[in-house]
N, C-alpha and C. Protein backbone atom coordinates (compact mmCIF):
# COMPACT_ATOMS: atom_id res chain seq x y z
N MET A 1 122.88 87.21 98.93
CA MET A 1 123.19 87.68 100.36
C MET A 1 121.91 87.51 101.24
N LYS A 2 121.95 87.17 102.36
CA LYS A 2 121.07 87.04 103.46
C LYS A 2 120.86 88.43 104.15
N ILE A 3 119.38 88.89 104.21
CA ILE A 3 119.14 89.95 104.90
C ILE A 3 118.37 89.64 105.93
N LYS A 4 118.45 90.00 107.20
CA LYS A 4 117.19 90.04 108.06
C LYS A 4 116.23 90.99 108.00
N VAL A 5 114.68 90.91 108.02
CA VAL A 5 114.21 91.78 107.61
C VAL A 5 112.81 91.77 108.81
N LYS A 6 112.19 92.82 109.15
CA LYS A 6 111.34 92.96 110.05
C LYS A 6 110.33 93.89 109.44
N LEU A 7 109.12 93.39 109.39
CA LEU A 7 108.08 94.28 109.12
C LEU A 7 107.00 94.69 109.68
N TYR A 8 106.84 95.81 110.17
CA TYR A 8 106.03 96.66 111.25
C TYR A 8 104.41 96.91 110.92
N ALA A 9 103.71 96.91 111.69
CA ALA A 9 102.06 97.31 111.71
C ALA A 9 101.58 96.59 110.66
N THR A 10 100.89 97.15 109.63
CA THR A 10 100.08 96.47 108.74
C THR A 10 100.82 95.82 107.79
N PHE A 11 102.38 96.30 107.63
CA PHE A 11 103.30 95.19 106.65
C PHE A 11 103.28 94.04 106.90
N SER A 12 103.14 93.21 107.91
CA SER A 12 103.26 92.10 108.20
C SER A 12 102.48 91.01 107.38
N ARG A 13 101.32 91.88 106.52
CA ARG A 13 100.41 91.05 105.53
C ARG A 13 101.44 90.73 104.38
N TYR A 14 102.48 91.34 104.14
CA TYR A 14 103.67 91.01 102.87
C TYR A 14 104.29 89.76 103.33
N HIS A 15 104.36 89.33 104.29
CA HIS A 15 104.96 88.11 104.97
C HIS A 15 104.08 87.17 105.66
N PRO A 16 103.02 86.42 104.94
CA PRO A 16 102.13 85.87 105.76
C PRO A 16 102.52 85.00 106.63
N GLY A 17 101.91 84.42 107.88
CA GLY A 17 102.52 83.72 109.05
C GLY A 17 103.62 84.17 109.76
N THR A 18 103.98 85.57 109.74
CA THR A 18 105.16 86.34 110.53
C THR A 18 104.57 87.34 111.26
N LEU A 19 104.57 87.43 112.46
CA LEU A 19 103.80 88.60 113.17
C LEU A 19 104.66 89.85 113.18
N ALA A 20 103.97 90.70 113.50
CA ALA A 20 105.00 92.37 112.92
C ALA A 20 105.72 92.22 113.90
N GLY A 21 107.13 92.87 113.33
CA GLY A 21 108.16 92.96 114.23
C GLY A 21 109.28 91.57 114.34
N THR A 22 108.56 90.61 113.74
CA THR A 22 109.17 89.51 113.99
C THR A 22 110.30 89.20 112.76
N PRO A 23 111.74 88.87 113.14
CA PRO A 23 112.54 88.91 112.07
C PRO A 23 112.43 87.79 111.19
N PHE A 24 112.59 87.94 109.87
CA PHE A 24 112.78 86.64 108.98
C PHE A 24 113.90 86.86 107.92
N GLU A 25 114.46 86.14 107.18
CA GLU A 25 115.34 86.16 106.17
C GLU A 25 114.87 86.25 105.01
N VAL A 26 116.07 87.19 104.07
CA VAL A 26 115.60 87.30 102.76
C VAL A 26 116.46 87.16 101.96
N ASP A 27 116.50 86.33 101.01
CA ASP A 27 118.10 85.89 100.11
C ASP A 27 117.96 87.01 98.72
N LEU A 28 119.00 87.71 98.66
CA LEU A 28 118.83 88.78 97.66
C LEU A 28 120.02 88.65 96.93
N PRO A 29 120.34 89.09 95.64
CA PRO A 29 121.47 88.96 94.69
C PRO A 29 122.27 89.97 95.50
N ALA A 30 123.64 90.01 95.44
CA ALA A 30 124.64 91.01 95.80
C ALA A 30 124.51 92.02 95.00
N GLY A 31 124.57 93.29 95.67
CA GLY A 31 124.46 94.43 95.00
C GLY A 31 122.99 95.09 95.24
N SER A 32 122.10 94.35 95.88
CA SER A 32 120.56 94.93 96.06
C SER A 32 120.78 96.11 96.79
N THR A 33 119.82 96.85 96.42
CA THR A 33 119.26 98.19 97.41
C THR A 33 118.43 97.81 98.04
N LEU A 34 117.72 98.81 99.03
CA LEU A 34 116.37 98.41 99.79
C LEU A 34 115.55 98.95 99.01
N ARG A 35 115.43 99.55 97.88
CA ARG A 35 114.36 99.35 97.28
C ARG A 35 114.34 97.77 96.14
N ASP A 36 115.14 97.50 96.20
CA ASP A 36 114.95 96.47 95.57
C ASP A 36 114.54 95.38 96.81
N LEU A 37 114.74 95.43 98.18
CA LEU A 37 114.21 94.41 98.89
C LEU A 37 112.67 94.74 99.17
N ILE A 38 112.37 96.06 98.95
CA ILE A 38 110.89 96.46 98.96
C ILE A 38 110.19 95.89 97.86
N ASN A 39 110.58 95.97 96.62
CA ASN A 39 109.99 95.57 95.38
C ASN A 39 110.21 93.82 95.53
N HIS A 40 110.94 93.00 96.08
CA HIS A 40 111.14 91.88 95.97
C HIS A 40 110.06 91.40 97.12
N LEU A 41 109.69 92.08 97.97
CA LEU A 41 108.78 91.62 99.06
C LEU A 41 106.98 92.16 98.62
N GLU A 42 107.00 92.57 97.59
CA GLU A 42 105.98 93.33 96.97
C GLU A 42 105.13 94.12 97.59
N ILE A 43 105.84 95.14 98.33
CA ILE A 43 105.58 96.37 99.18
C ILE A 43 105.26 97.69 98.17
N PRO A 44 104.01 98.22 97.79
CA PRO A 44 104.31 99.41 97.15
C PRO A 44 105.18 100.50 97.92
N GLU A 45 105.98 100.95 97.39
CA GLU A 45 106.85 101.97 97.55
C GLU A 45 105.88 103.45 98.24
N SER A 46 104.97 103.58 97.63
CA SER A 46 104.13 104.75 98.06
C SER A 46 103.55 104.54 99.46
N GLU A 47 103.68 103.34 99.79
CA GLU A 47 103.27 102.74 101.28
C GLU A 47 104.31 102.83 102.34
N VAL A 48 105.52 103.02 102.01
CA VAL A 48 106.50 103.00 103.12
C VAL A 48 107.05 104.52 103.47
N LYS A 49 106.99 104.66 104.85
CA LYS A 49 107.10 106.00 105.26
C LYS A 49 108.86 105.99 105.78
N VAL A 50 109.24 104.65 106.45
CA VAL A 50 110.56 104.84 107.10
C VAL A 50 111.16 103.43 106.78
N CYS A 51 112.54 103.57 106.63
CA CYS A 51 113.19 102.30 106.62
C CYS A 51 114.51 102.50 107.42
N PHE A 52 114.84 101.62 108.20
CA PHE A 52 116.05 101.36 108.96
C PHE A 52 116.95 100.27 108.36
N VAL A 53 118.13 100.76 108.43
CA VAL A 53 119.26 99.42 108.15
C VAL A 53 120.18 99.61 109.30
N ASN A 54 120.20 98.69 109.78
CA ASN A 54 121.20 98.14 111.08
C ASN A 54 120.74 99.62 111.82
N ALA A 55 119.69 100.00 112.41
CA ALA A 55 119.01 100.86 113.31
C ALA A 55 119.36 102.11 112.69
N ARG A 56 119.62 102.63 111.46
CA ARG A 56 119.79 103.84 111.15
C ARG A 56 118.83 103.98 110.08
N ILE A 57 118.22 105.09 109.81
CA ILE A 57 117.15 105.49 108.90
C ILE A 57 118.28 105.83 107.42
N GLN A 58 117.23 105.31 106.39
CA GLN A 58 118.03 105.15 105.27
C GLN A 58 117.14 105.63 104.29
N GLU A 59 117.69 106.11 102.84
CA GLU A 59 116.80 106.11 101.80
C GLU A 59 116.92 104.80 101.17
N LEU A 60 115.60 104.88 100.17
CA LEU A 60 115.47 103.56 99.37
C LEU A 60 116.61 102.95 98.51
N ASP A 61 117.84 104.16 98.00
CA ASP A 61 118.62 103.63 97.24
C ASP A 61 120.12 103.07 97.99
N VAL A 62 119.90 103.18 99.03
CA VAL A 62 121.05 102.80 99.69
C VAL A 62 121.58 101.43 99.45
N GLY A 63 122.79 100.84 99.36
CA GLY A 63 122.99 99.36 99.23
C GLY A 63 122.92 98.39 100.29
N LEU A 64 122.61 97.16 100.22
CA LEU A 64 122.47 96.40 101.48
C LEU A 64 123.59 95.39 101.35
N ASN A 65 123.83 94.64 102.40
CA ASN A 65 125.11 94.00 102.29
C ASN A 65 124.71 92.70 103.17
N GLU A 66 125.40 91.66 103.39
CA GLU A 66 125.51 90.53 103.69
C GLU A 66 125.03 90.63 105.10
N GLY A 67 124.31 90.09 106.14
CA GLY A 67 123.84 90.37 107.21
C GLY A 67 123.01 91.54 107.91
N ASP A 68 122.74 92.43 106.49
CA ASP A 68 121.93 93.86 107.52
C ASP A 68 120.86 93.32 107.79
N GLU A 69 120.44 94.20 109.01
CA GLU A 69 119.09 94.17 109.55
C GLU A 69 118.41 95.26 109.12
N VAL A 70 117.20 94.93 108.48
CA VAL A 70 116.02 95.91 107.73
C VAL A 70 115.02 95.88 108.47
N GLY A 71 114.36 97.40 108.81
CA GLY A 71 113.10 97.21 109.49
C GLY A 71 112.23 98.25 108.73
N ILE A 72 111.13 97.91 108.69
CA ILE A 72 110.33 98.73 107.49
C ILE A 72 109.00 99.03 107.95
N PHE A 73 108.64 100.25 107.88
CA PHE A 73 107.50 100.57 108.52
C PHE A 73 106.53 101.72 107.72
N PRO A 74 105.02 101.11 107.68
CA PRO A 74 104.29 102.33 106.72
C PRO A 74 103.75 103.36 107.87
N PRO A 75 103.11 104.45 107.22
CA PRO A 75 102.49 105.36 107.98
C PRO A 75 101.96 105.03 109.23
N VAL A 76 102.35 105.76 110.64
CA VAL A 76 101.25 105.19 111.63
C VAL A 76 100.67 106.56 111.99
N GLY A 77 99.44 106.12 112.35
CA GLY A 77 98.32 106.82 112.87
C GLY A 77 97.80 106.49 114.53
N GLY A 78 97.29 107.64 114.89
CA GLY A 78 96.95 107.16 116.37
C GLY A 78 96.72 108.83 116.79
N GLY A 79 96.25 108.47 118.03
CA GLY A 79 95.91 109.85 118.86
C GLY A 79 95.94 109.61 120.15
């Protein structure tokens, strides 16, 4: 199944050649979870702060479906 992914801030380094927040497609086996996607992208789970699936905050064990749009954010600092 194909998932549209957007990586934000420093996570763009896990998909070289893609600017932060620019969507790209990932092909995953049916029945995959958000955690499976993060592992597929080789992002350490400990670095993930917030994930959105179709504009809703979700836990890592949520199942994904064909055509879902996922945003993955690291902790954000600033002041």
